[in-house]
Protein backbone atom coordinates (compact mmCIF):
# COMPACT_ATOMS: atom_id res chain seq x y z
CA MET A 1 130.62 74.67 115.07
CA THR A 2 130.24 72.93 111.69
CA MET A 3 127.43 73.69 109.44
CA HIS A 4 127.16 69.71 109.81
CA HIS A 5 126.47 70.18 113.51
CA THR A 6 124.57 73.63 113.16
CA LEU A 7 122.14 72.12 110.89
CA LEU A 8 121.41 68.99 113.14
CA LEU A 9 120.97 71.21 116.01
CA VAL A 10 118.40 73.50 114.10
CA LEU A 11 116.84 70.57 113.13
CA GLY A 12 116.97 69.03 116.49
CA LEU A 13 115.18 72.21 118.09
CA LEU A 14 112.43 72.59 115.03
CA PHE A 15 111.42 69.13 116.58
CA ALA A 16 111.67 70.02 119.84
CA VAL A 17 109.28 72.84 119.07
CA MET A 18 106.73 70.69 117.01
CA LEU A 19 106.35 68.62 119.74
CA LEU A 20 105.78 71.79 122.07
CA VAL A 21 103.02 72.64 119.28
CA LEU A 22 101.07 68.94 119.79
CA LEU A 23 101.44 69.52 123.26
CA ALA A 24 99.65 73.33 123.09
CA LYS A 25 96.97 71.10 120.49
CA ARG A 26 96.51 68.76 123.29
CA MET A 27 95.98 71.54 125.79
CA ASN A 28 93.94 73.58 123.46
CA VAL A 29 95.92 76.77 123.60
CA ALA A 30 97.29 78.47 120.57
CA TYR A 31 100.41 77.15 119.26
CA PRO A 32 102.32 80.69 118.81
CA ILE A 33 101.63 81.27 122.76
CA PHE A 34 104.69 78.13 122.85
CA LEU A 35 106.35 79.19 120.23
CA VAL A 36 107.04 82.44 121.98
CA ILE A 37 107.77 80.49 125.04
CA ALA A 38 110.26 78.42 123.15
CA GLY A 39 111.94 80.66 121.66
CA LEU A 40 112.63 82.21 125.51
CA ALA A 41 113.69 78.83 126.68
CA ILE A 42 116.05 78.12 124.00
CA GLY A 43 118.08 81.59 125.00
CA PHE A 44 118.31 80.12 128.32
CA ILE A 45 120.08 76.48 127.36
CA PRO A 46 123.56 76.17 128.06
CA GLY A 47 126.04 75.30 125.20
CA MET A 48 123.58 76.39 122.58
CA PRO A 49 125.49 78.09 119.48
CA GLN A 50 125.17 81.61 118.49
CA LEU A 51 123.72 82.01 114.79
CA HIS A 52 124.84 84.95 112.91
CA LEU A 53 122.60 85.46 109.89
CA ASP A 54 122.81 88.65 107.50
CA PRO A 55 119.62 90.59 108.71
CA GLU A 56 118.68 91.17 105.00
CA LEU A 57 118.50 87.42 104.06
CA ILE A 58 115.69 87.15 107.04
CA PHE A 59 113.68 89.69 105.67
CA LEU A 60 113.81 88.45 102.42
CA ILE A 61 113.31 84.50 103.40
CA PHE A 62 110.49 84.91 105.67
CA LEU A 63 108.26 88.29 105.20
CA PRO A 64 107.39 87.44 101.43
CA PRO A 65 105.48 84.00 101.95
CA LEU A 66 104.27 85.03 105.23
CA LEU A 67 102.51 87.93 103.56
CA TYR A 68 101.27 86.30 100.22
CA GLU A 69 100.23 83.57 102.47
CA ALA A 70 98.11 86.07 104.53
CA ALA A 71 96.92 87.50 100.95
CA TRP A 72 95.78 84.35 99.96
CA TYR A 73 93.21 83.49 102.63
CA THR A 74 91.89 86.77 102.40
CA SER A 75 88.16 86.94 101.18
CA TRP A 76 88.36 89.94 98.79
CA ASN A 77 84.15 90.10 99.14
CA GLU A 78 84.76 90.25 103.04
CA PHE A 79 87.30 92.32 102.90
CA TRP A 80 86.25 94.94 100.44
CA LYS A 81 82.86 94.63 102.50
CA TRP A 82 84.36 95.96 105.84
CA LYS A 83 86.99 98.46 104.13
CA ARG A 84 86.42 101.44 106.31
CA PRO A 85 87.22 99.63 109.90
CA ILE A 86 90.10 97.75 108.22
CA VAL A 87 91.81 101.02 106.76
CA LEU A 88 91.23 102.77 109.92
CA LEU A 89 92.98 100.05 111.76
CA ALA A 90 95.75 99.10 109.25
CA PHE A 91 96.84 102.41 108.12
CA GLY A 92 95.31 105.14 111.23
CA LEU A 93 96.22 102.84 114.12
CA VAL A 94 99.62 101.54 112.53
CA PHE A 95 101.14 106.13 111.94
CA PHE A 96 99.21 106.60 115.46
CA THR A 97 100.84 103.72 117.18
CA SER A 98 104.40 104.42 115.54
CA MET A 99 104.12 107.70 116.32
CA ILE A 100 103.01 108.00 120.20
CA VAL A 101 106.03 104.43 120.36
CA ALA A 102 108.42 106.96 118.92
CA TRP A 103 107.68 110.14 120.67
CA SER A 104 107.26 108.22 124.14
CA THR A 105 110.55 106.16 123.61
CA SER A 106 112.62 109.23 122.87
CA LEU A 107 111.77 110.28 125.93
CA ILE A 108 112.12 107.45 128.33
CA ILE A 109 114.66 105.38 127.05
CA PRO A 110 118.47 107.10 127.30
CA GLY A 111 119.77 107.68 123.69
CA PHE A 112 116.90 106.69 121.93
CA THR A 113 116.19 109.09 118.98
CA LEU A 114 113.14 109.94 117.14
CA ALA A 115 114.46 108.19 114.20
CA LEU A 116 115.04 104.92 116.28
CA GLY A 117 111.41 105.07 118.38
CA PHE A 118 109.85 105.54 114.81
CA LEU A 119 111.64 101.87 113.83
CA LEU A 120 110.77 100.19 116.89
CA GLY A 121 107.11 101.63 116.53
CA GLY A 122 107.00 100.26 112.87
CA ILE A 123 108.28 96.81 114.05
CA VAL A 124 105.60 96.50 117.13
CA SER A 125 102.65 98.29 115.70
CA PRO A 126 101.06 95.29 113.23
CA PRO A 127 98.84 92.37 115.39
CA ASP A 128 99.73 88.81 114.05
CA ALA A 129 96.69 87.10 112.24
CA VAL A 130 97.78 83.59 112.86
CA ALA A 131 97.93 84.28 116.46
CA ALA A 132 94.54 85.74 116.59
CA ALA A 133 93.09 83.15 114.39
CA THR A 134 94.50 80.31 116.23
CA VAL A 135 93.21 81.79 119.62
CA LEU A 136 89.59 82.67 118.21
CA LYS A 137 89.37 79.08 116.23
CA GLY A 138 86.23 77.11 117.42
CA MET A 139 84.80 79.84 119.33
CA ASN A 140 81.65 81.67 118.37
CA VAL A 141 82.82 84.89 116.98
CA PRO A 142 80.94 87.06 114.44
CA ARG A 143 82.30 86.73 111.09
CA ARG A 144 82.56 90.41 110.95
CA LEU A 145 85.16 90.46 113.65
CA LEU A 146 87.01 87.87 112.20
CA THR A 147 87.28 89.43 108.37
CA ILE A 148 88.20 92.84 110.10
CA LEU A 149 91.36 91.22 112.34
CA GLU A 150 91.98 89.24 109.14
CA GLY A 151 91.99 92.33 106.74
CA GLU A 152 93.82 94.25 109.43
CA SER A 153 96.82 92.05 109.43
CA LEU A 154 97.14 91.93 106.11
CA VAL A 155 97.15 95.61 105.16
CA ASN A 156 99.06 96.59 108.35
CA ASP A 157 101.71 94.31 107.72
CA ALA A 158 102.28 96.13 104.66
CA SER A 159 101.98 99.79 106.22
CA SER A 160 103.69 99.41 109.21
CA LEU A 161 107.17 97.82 106.56
CA ILE A 162 106.61 100.85 104.59
CA VAL A 163 107.11 102.96 108.17
CA PHE A 164 109.87 100.38 109.34
CA LYS A 165 111.87 100.84 105.85
CA PHE A 166 111.46 105.03 105.82
CA ALA A 167 112.25 104.83 109.50
CA LEU A 168 115.59 102.62 108.83
CA ALA A 169 116.50 105.09 106.07
CA ALA A 170 116.19 107.96 108.21
CA VAL A 171 118.69 106.03 111.06
CA LEU A 172 121.20 105.09 108.08
CA THR A 173 121.46 108.77 106.56
CA GLY A 174 120.43 111.13 109.56
CA THR A 175 117.94 113.05 107.75
CA PHE A 176 114.48 112.96 107.85
CA SER A 177 111.23 115.08 106.11
CA MET A 178 107.69 114.07 107.12
CA GLN A 179 106.64 116.16 103.78
CA GLU A 180 109.18 114.36 101.49
CA ALA A 181 108.56 111.03 103.32
CA THR A 182 104.70 111.49 102.69
CA GLY A 183 105.11 111.76 98.93
CA GLN A 184 107.56 109.16 99.02
CA PHE A 185 105.25 106.77 100.59
CA PHE A 186 102.37 106.96 98.17
CA TRP A 187 104.64 106.49 95.20
CA VAL A 188 106.60 103.65 96.65
CA ALA A 189 103.36 101.82 97.53
CA GLY A 190 101.63 102.59 94.60
CA MET A 191 104.24 101.52 92.14
CA GLY A 192 104.76 98.67 94.54
CA ILE A 193 100.97 97.83 93.65
CA ALA A 194 101.08 98.13 90.27
CA VAL A 195 104.47 95.77 90.03
CA GLY A 196 102.84 93.16 91.99
CA LEU A 197 99.49 93.39 89.90
CA ALA A 198 101.72 93.28 86.59
CA GLY A 199 103.78 90.21 87.94
CA ALA A 200 100.50 88.46 89.46
CA HIS A 201 98.98 88.67 85.49
CA ILE A 202 102.45 86.83 84.20
CA MET A 203 101.96 83.81 86.59
CA TYR A 204 98.36 83.93 85.91
CA VAL A 205 98.78 83.27 82.58
CA VAL A 206 101.70 80.64 83.01
CA HIS A 207 99.31 78.69 85.76
CA ARG A 208 96.49 79.53 83.39
CA PHE A 209 97.40 78.48 79.99
CA LEU A 210 101.06 76.60 80.25
CA PRO A 211 100.09 72.30 80.98
CA THR A 212 101.17 72.96 84.96
CA THR A 213 100.91 69.84 86.84
CA PRO A 214 99.82 70.00 90.49
CA ALA A 215 103.42 69.80 91.75
CA ILE A 216 104.74 72.53 89.14
CA ASP A 217 101.86 74.80 90.47
CA ALA A 218 102.59 74.38 94.03
CA ALA A 219 106.63 75.04 93.19
CA LEU A 220 105.60 78.19 91.13
CA THR A 221 103.07 79.61 94.11
CA VAL A 222 106.37 79.30 96.70
CA MET A 223 108.57 81.23 93.90
CA THR A 224 105.50 84.07 93.11
CA PRO A 225 106.01 86.14 96.25
CA TYR A 226 109.83 86.29 95.91
CA MET A 227 109.91 86.89 92.54
CA LEU A 228 107.45 89.58 93.26
CA PHE A 229 109.21 91.12 96.08
CA LEU A 230 112.25 91.46 94.38
CA ALA A 231 111.33 92.19 90.86
CA ALA A 232 109.36 95.63 93.39
CA GLU A 233 112.77 95.91 95.19
CA GLN A 234 114.69 95.97 92.22
CA PHE A 235 113.16 99.10 90.91
CA HIS A 236 113.08 100.97 94.65
CA PHE A 237 109.27 100.42 95.09
CA SER A 238 107.58 98.31 98.02
CA GLY A 239 108.11 94.96 97.57
CA VAL A 240 106.06 94.44 100.37
CA MET A 241 102.92 95.98 98.64
CA ALA A 242 103.73 93.93 95.50
CA VAL A 243 103.44 90.81 97.49
CA VAL A 244 100.03 91.64 99.44
CA SER A 245 98.71 93.00 95.86
CA GLY A 246 99.69 89.93 93.62
CA GLY A 247 98.30 87.70 96.69
CA LEU A 248 94.94 89.37 96.27
CA PHE A 249 95.14 88.99 92.97
CA MET A 250 96.04 85.61 92.54
CA SER A 251 93.62 84.24 94.96
CA TYR A 252 90.54 86.09 93.54
CA ARG A 253 91.37 84.12 89.91
CA SER A 254 92.56 80.84 91.75
CA HIS A 255 89.32 79.30 90.85
CA GLU A 256 90.49 80.04 87.11
CA VAL A 257 94.04 78.98 87.71
CA PHE A 258 94.12 75.94 89.65
CA ARG A 259 91.22 74.00 88.30
CA THR A 260 91.93 70.40 90.10
CA GLY A 261 91.01 69.01 93.75
CA SER A 262 94.41 67.50 93.41
CA THR A 263 96.26 70.84 92.57
CA ARG A 264 94.22 72.78 95.39
CA MET A 265 94.76 69.87 98.14
CA ASN A 266 98.69 69.59 96.91
CA MET A 267 98.96 73.73 97.42
CA LEU A 268 97.03 73.63 100.83
CA GLY A 269 99.57 70.99 101.97
CA VAL A 270 102.57 72.69 100.68
CA TRP A 271 102.01 75.99 101.98
CA THR A 272 100.22 75.18 105.78
CA THR A 273 103.44 73.10 106.40
CA MET A 274 106.01 76.05 104.86
CA ILE A 275 104.30 78.66 107.00
CA PHE A 276 104.08 76.57 110.00
CA VAL A 277 108.25 75.80 109.71
CA MET A 278 108.97 79.19 109.02
CA ASN A 279 107.11 80.26 111.98
CA ALA A 280 108.68 77.79 114.22
CA LEU A 281 112.13 78.60 112.52
CA VAL A 282 111.83 82.68 113.19
CA PHE A 283 111.30 81.86 117.13
CA ILE A 284 114.25 79.29 117.04
CA LEU A 285 116.33 81.85 115.25
CA ILE A 286 115.46 84.36 118.09
CA GLY A 287 115.92 81.83 120.69
CA LEU A 288 119.92 81.15 119.63
CA GLU A 289 120.62 84.96 119.30
CA LEU A 290 119.12 85.57 122.49
CA PRO A 291 122.16 85.42 124.41
CA GLU A 292 123.82 87.73 122.32
CA ILE A 293 121.72 90.17 122.03
CA VAL A 294 121.22 90.31 125.67
CA ALA A 295 125.14 90.13 125.99
CA GLY A 296 124.93 93.36 123.50
CA LEU A 297 122.25 95.63 124.96
CA GLU A 298 125.18 98.51 125.17
CA GLY A 299 125.12 99.72 128.44
CA TYR A 300 121.39 98.50 129.65
CA SER A 301 120.59 95.81 132.08
CA ILE A 302 118.33 92.90 131.27
CA ALA A 303 115.80 94.33 133.88
CA ASP A 304 116.20 97.64 132.03
CA GLY A 305 115.26 95.93 128.71
CA ILE A 306 112.30 94.23 130.17
CA LYS A 307 111.41 97.44 131.81
CA TYR A 308 111.40 99.18 128.31
CA GLY A 309 109.38 95.99 126.49
CA LEU A 310 106.94 96.15 129.24
CA ILE A 311 106.37 100.11 129.05
CA VAL A 312 106.10 99.42 125.28
CA SER A 313 103.44 96.91 125.52
CA VAL A 314 101.38 98.36 128.10
CA ILE A 315 101.53 101.45 125.30
CA THR A 316 100.53 99.41 122.55
CA ILE A 317 97.77 97.85 124.08
CA LEU A 318 96.16 100.97 125.30
CA LEU A 319 96.49 102.69 122.15
CA ARG A 320 94.57 99.83 120.46
CA PHE A 321 91.94 100.83 122.62
CA LEU A 322 92.24 104.26 122.69
CA TRP A 323 91.81 103.99 118.45
CA VAL A 324 89.24 101.16 117.85
CA TYR A 325 86.26 102.13 120.04
CA PRO A 326 86.44 105.99 118.58
CA ALA A 327 87.05 104.10 114.92
CA ALA A 328 84.00 101.97 115.67
CA HIS A 329 81.31 104.83 116.58
CA ILE A 330 82.55 108.04 114.84
CA PRO A 331 82.02 107.58 111.38
CA ARG A 332 78.48 106.38 112.40
CA TRP A 333 78.34 109.83 113.34
CA LEU A 334 79.74 111.51 110.10
CA SER A 335 78.15 108.85 107.41
CA ALA A 336 74.59 108.00 106.61
CA LYS A 337 76.07 105.23 105.00
CA ALA A 338 78.10 103.88 108.20
CA ARG A 339 74.63 104.06 110.14
CA ARG A 340 72.94 101.43 107.74
CA ASP A 341 75.22 98.67 109.47
CA PRO A 342 74.33 97.41 112.70
CA PHE A 343 75.47 99.07 115.70
CA PRO A 344 79.06 97.70 116.97
CA GLY A 345 78.11 98.07 120.48
CA TRP A 346 81.13 97.60 122.78
CA LYS A 347 81.80 93.85 123.02
CA GLY A 348 82.75 93.66 119.24
CA PRO A 349 85.49 96.50 119.87
CA MET A 350 86.30 95.09 123.20
CA VAL A 351 87.44 92.10 121.36
CA ILE A 352 89.24 93.67 118.54
CA SER A 353 91.24 95.95 121.08
CA TRP A 354 92.14 92.82 122.83
CA ALA A 355 93.13 90.64 119.79
CA GLY A 356 96.37 92.90 119.23
CA MET A 357 98.93 90.08 119.68
CA ARG A 358 101.91 90.59 118.03
CA GLY A 359 103.75 87.80 116.01
CA VAL A 360 106.12 86.38 113.88
CA VAL A 361 106.49 89.29 111.34
CA SER A 362 107.26 92.04 114.10
CA LEU A 363 110.01 89.15 114.83
CA ALA A 364 111.56 88.61 111.79
CA THR A 365 111.41 92.41 110.89
CA ALA A 366 113.27 93.42 113.88
CA LEU A 367 115.88 90.39 113.21
CA SER A 368 116.20 92.31 109.38
CA ILE A 369 117.90 95.42 111.37
CA PRO A 370 121.39 95.86 109.61
CA MET A 371 124.52 95.49 112.06
CA LEU A 372 126.53 98.16 110.92
CA MET A 373 125.77 101.64 109.74
CA THR A 374 126.59 102.82 106.26
CA ASP A 375 130.06 104.28 107.58
CA GLY A 376 130.85 100.96 108.94
CA SER A 377 129.78 101.65 113.02
CA ALA A 378 127.55 99.63 114.90
CA PHE A 379 123.90 100.21 114.30
CA PRO A 380 122.65 102.05 117.32
CA GLN A 381 120.36 100.27 119.48
CA ARG A 382 119.99 96.65 117.49
CA ASN A 383 119.99 94.69 120.35
CA LEU A 384 117.98 96.62 122.71
CA ILE A 385 114.98 96.99 119.80
CA ILE A 386 115.44 93.38 119.06
CA PHE A 387 114.56 92.90 122.76
CA ILE A 388 112.07 94.90 123.37
CA THR A 389 110.65 93.45 120.00
CA PHE A 390 110.72 90.54 121.81
CA VAL A 391 109.25 91.45 125.38
CA VAL A 392 106.14 93.00 123.35
CA ILE A 393 105.68 89.94 121.30
CA PHE A 394 105.91 87.85 124.45
CA ILE A 395 103.32 89.96 126.74
CA THR A 396 100.40 90.03 123.97
CA LEU A 397 100.99 86.71 122.63
CA VAL A 398 100.96 84.99 126.36
CA PHE A 399 99.01 87.54 128.31
CA GLN A 400 96.33 89.05 125.62
CA GLY A 401 96.14 84.83 124.08
CA LEU A 402 95.18 83.50 127.27
CA THR A 403 92.86 85.58 128.26
CA LEU A 404 90.81 86.39 125.32
CA PRO A 405 88.98 83.31 125.13
CA ALA A 406 87.90 83.91 128.92
CA MET A 407 86.92 87.39 127.95
CA ILE A 408 84.92 86.33 125.27
CA ARG A 409 83.16 83.93 126.76
CA LEU A 410 82.41 86.48 130.28
CA ILE A 411 80.84 88.85 127.95
CA GLY A 412 78.58 86.81 126.26
CA LEU A 413 79.72 88.08 122.56
CA LYS A 414 77.03 87.36 119.96
CA GLU A 415 76.78 87.57 116.04
CA ILE A 416 75.26 91.35 115.39
CA ASP A 417 74.86 90.91 111.30
CA GLU A 418 72.41 88.96 109.73
CA VAL A 419 74.53 85.99 108.47
CA MET A 420 73.18 82.98 106.93
CA PRO A 421 74.04 79.52 108.80
CA GLY A 422 76.92 77.53 107.04
CA HIS A 423 74.48 74.78 106.52
CA ARG A 424 72.16 76.59 104.80
CA GLN A 425 74.79 78.29 102.49
CA GLN A 426 76.28 75.02 101.76
CA ALA A 427 72.72 73.61 100.61
CA GLY A 428 72.26 76.98 98.43
CA ILE A 429 75.78 76.61 96.78
CA ARG A 430 74.80 72.85 96.13
CA LEU A 431 71.82 73.47 94.49
CA ARG A 432 73.07 76.19 92.00
CA LEU A 433 75.86 73.28 91.22
CA ASP A 434 73.78 71.08 90.83
CA HIS A 435 71.07 72.81 88.66
CA VAL A 436 74.13 74.06 86.50
CA ALA A 437 75.25 69.99 86.28
CA LEU A 438 71.51 68.91 85.37
CA LYS A 439 70.98 71.51 82.49
CA PHE A 440 74.27 70.38 80.99
CA ILE A 441 73.51 67.20 81.33
CA ASN A 442 70.00 67.44 79.93
CA GLU A 443 71.61 69.88 76.54
CA GLN A 444 74.37 67.55 75.76
CA TYR A 445 74.07 63.88 77.07
CA LYS A 446 70.34 63.32 77.09
CA GLY A 447 70.01 59.53 76.88
CA LYS A 448 73.43 59.02 76.36
CA SER A 449 73.97 56.14 78.52
CA GLU A 450 72.33 54.29 81.72
CA MET A 451 75.31 55.31 83.68
CA ILE A 452 74.60 59.05 82.57
CA ALA A 453 70.76 58.63 83.42
CA LEU A 454 71.86 57.58 86.99
CA HIS A 455 74.00 60.21 87.58
CA LYS A 456 70.93 62.31 86.44
CA LEU A 457 68.92 60.85 88.94
CA ASN A 458 70.99 61.41 91.32
CA LEU A 459 71.64 65.22 90.80
CA GLU A 460 67.49 65.21 90.80
CA ASN A 461 67.60 63.82 94.27
CA HIS A 462 69.96 66.28 95.24
CA ILE A 463 68.14 68.92 94.37
CA GLY A 464 65.03 67.98 95.77
CA ASP A 465 66.81 67.51 99.00
CA ALA A 466 68.47 71.04 99.26
CA GLU A 467 65.22 73.00 98.34
CA ARG A 468 63.70 71.00 101.20
CA GLN A 469 66.28 72.42 103.41
CA LEU A 470 66.54 75.96 102.06
CA LYS A 471 62.66 75.82 102.76
CA SER A 472 62.72 74.78 106.14
CA GLN A 473 63.25 77.14 109.22
CA GLU A 474 66.33 77.88 110.71
CA ALA A 475 67.31 74.54 113.16
CA ASP A 476 66.62 75.27 117.01
CA HIS A 477 69.11 74.09 119.56
CA SER A 478 68.15 70.48 119.57
CA ARG A 479 68.88 70.39 115.70
CA HIS A 480 72.18 71.78 116.02
CA GLY A 481 72.92 69.05 118.70
CA GLU A 482 71.57 66.50 115.78
CA ALA A 483 73.89 68.30 113.53
CA ALA A 484 76.85 67.99 115.55
CA ALA A 485 75.99 64.43 116.63
CA PHE A 486 75.49 63.61 112.79
CA ARG A 487 78.96 65.18 112.17
CA GLU A 488 80.98 63.60 114.50
CA MET A 489 79.41 60.14 113.17
CA LEU A 490 80.72 60.84 109.95
CA LEU A 491 84.24 61.62 111.22
CA ASP A 492 84.12 58.03 112.75
CA VAL A 493 83.05 56.60 109.70
CA TYR A 494 85.55 58.15 107.62
CA THR A 495 88.36 57.03 110.52
CA LEU A 496 87.17 53.59 109.94
CA GLN A 497 87.00 53.49 106.27
CA ARG A 498 90.81 54.56 106.59
CA LYS A 499 91.71 51.85 108.67
CA GLU A 500 89.81 49.57 105.89
CA LEU A 501 91.66 51.09 103.00
CA PHE A 502 94.95 50.38 104.89
CA LYS A 503 93.84 46.48 105.13
CA LEU A 504 93.49 46.35 101.27
CA ARG A 505 96.76 47.93 101.02
CA LYS A 506 98.11 44.87 103.23
CA GLU A 507 96.24 42.77 101.40
CA LYS A 508 97.49 43.50 98.04
CA TYR A 509 94.65 42.71 96.17
CA PHE A 510 93.83 46.02 94.77
CA SER A 511 96.25 48.60 93.32
CA ASP A 512 98.02 51.51 95.23
CA GLU A 513 97.03 54.15 93.05
CA GLU A 514 93.26 53.44 93.54
CA ILE A 515 93.64 52.63 96.91
CA ARG A 516 94.87 56.77 97.18
CA LYS A 517 92.05 57.66 95.22
CA ALA A 518 90.00 56.27 97.50
CA GLU A 519 91.80 58.27 100.38
CA LEU A 520 91.91 61.34 98.53
CA GLN A 521 87.80 61.17 98.26
CA LEU A 522 87.63 60.30 101.90
CA ASP A 523 90.08 63.83 102.56
CA LEU A 524 87.58 66.11 100.30
CA ASP A 525 84.49 64.26 102.41
CA GLU A 526 85.84 65.35 105.42
CA LEU A 527 86.99 68.55 104.50
CA LYS A 528 83.61 69.42 103.48
CA ILE A 529 82.78 69.49 107.07
CA THR A 530 85.57 70.25 108.90
CA GLY A 531 86.80 72.88 106.72
CA ALA A 532 90.65 73.29 105.63
CA GLY A 533 91.85 74.42 108.88
CA HIS A 534 91.57 71.35 110.53
């Protein structure tokens, strides 16, 4: 099949997958669940061509932006606040899972060595933040749990990929020393962080002080994770840690770097689209490779592969429960500082335990296993490892993903921390911003013009409204209903206004540029009440 036909086929499959995602949205089901089902279905379509992609290319193309995007949307303040449970999950649970998976698979699977077991453990140990966030979207889940899941997914991607790299080196060389690997781990990870921060500072200067445009800013943010990754790997440091640390730094300084709304809106559109397409493409690739993977199971039947995949799935699910509950409660027995946090109970750890769904990072990592050893022989058990990984992703995404919302509703999960309601936080932020603006106008532009005086009056009115809202008591259930109805009214108004803008464009009375500006303001107004994820 020519490259032209292959490209056409991939585009057709991508379009079909997007239709499935639309169906998932209509059915109110997390779209990663439909992606893994689509990947499986593609593998059974007769006549599908088999793609032969360089495994290193898969690792390089997909993982840096996926890690960078996860780092970008991580709240550093929230991450630091809950660093103890995040670190316990992201490092402790990853190493615990990798060790148990390595030991159990070397015993259960004929011909499976301990090094291959560690390789598989590094692949299947990190849960996927996109899957968990999509499943939990719109549900009444405590902010603490969401932060821990997001932070864990960010750091455990890095730690598991480092485990994967060391296990891969052990398989290729045939030698492994735990003491040497431990020292090398901290050196490689630490220097990777240093390279990431140095590279991020350079990109900060470029964005901050050079006359960039929104398009150039967006393009540079797409290039940044690749440059950080390649720079670190060039010196044999951890490219993964470089991408994560650089992404966290750029996210933390984003308010200084990207100062216009159009730049941020443009970046949001670019990254949302790119990450979605990458998620879909990875599952399409596994679908196109599945027939070849199944045919090359090297003496194992499909039933054997499914059986081993089910065993590894059960192990990873149980290990998460065995780790999460002690990690939530034991620190409170050992540290007075930990006891000052609200008591975690059993419901929060239950949700965190059940939200360990594997996803695109595990799949991309498995596909990146080289086909050949250094001596030119076939990489041992490569197809079986990829097949088991796909089964684990399928089981955790479909089974846990579909049952997690029902479980949350069943246990009646409630907020356990003192969290200010979103509308009060917005009022407080708006009050601060309006006070700053009013002070600036009074000092610099007092009595300048009628338009400035009118804006000053509007600010004073906003301040009065915000102060009254903050002084009032928290809304009861009926007021929550009022707020929801008001929100729906605003969304209806914005829909009608967009239709009116379409009519104005057809009438050609106003310029397209001014109509686009009005449309952008509508988008910004809508984002204020819906959030960037809608």
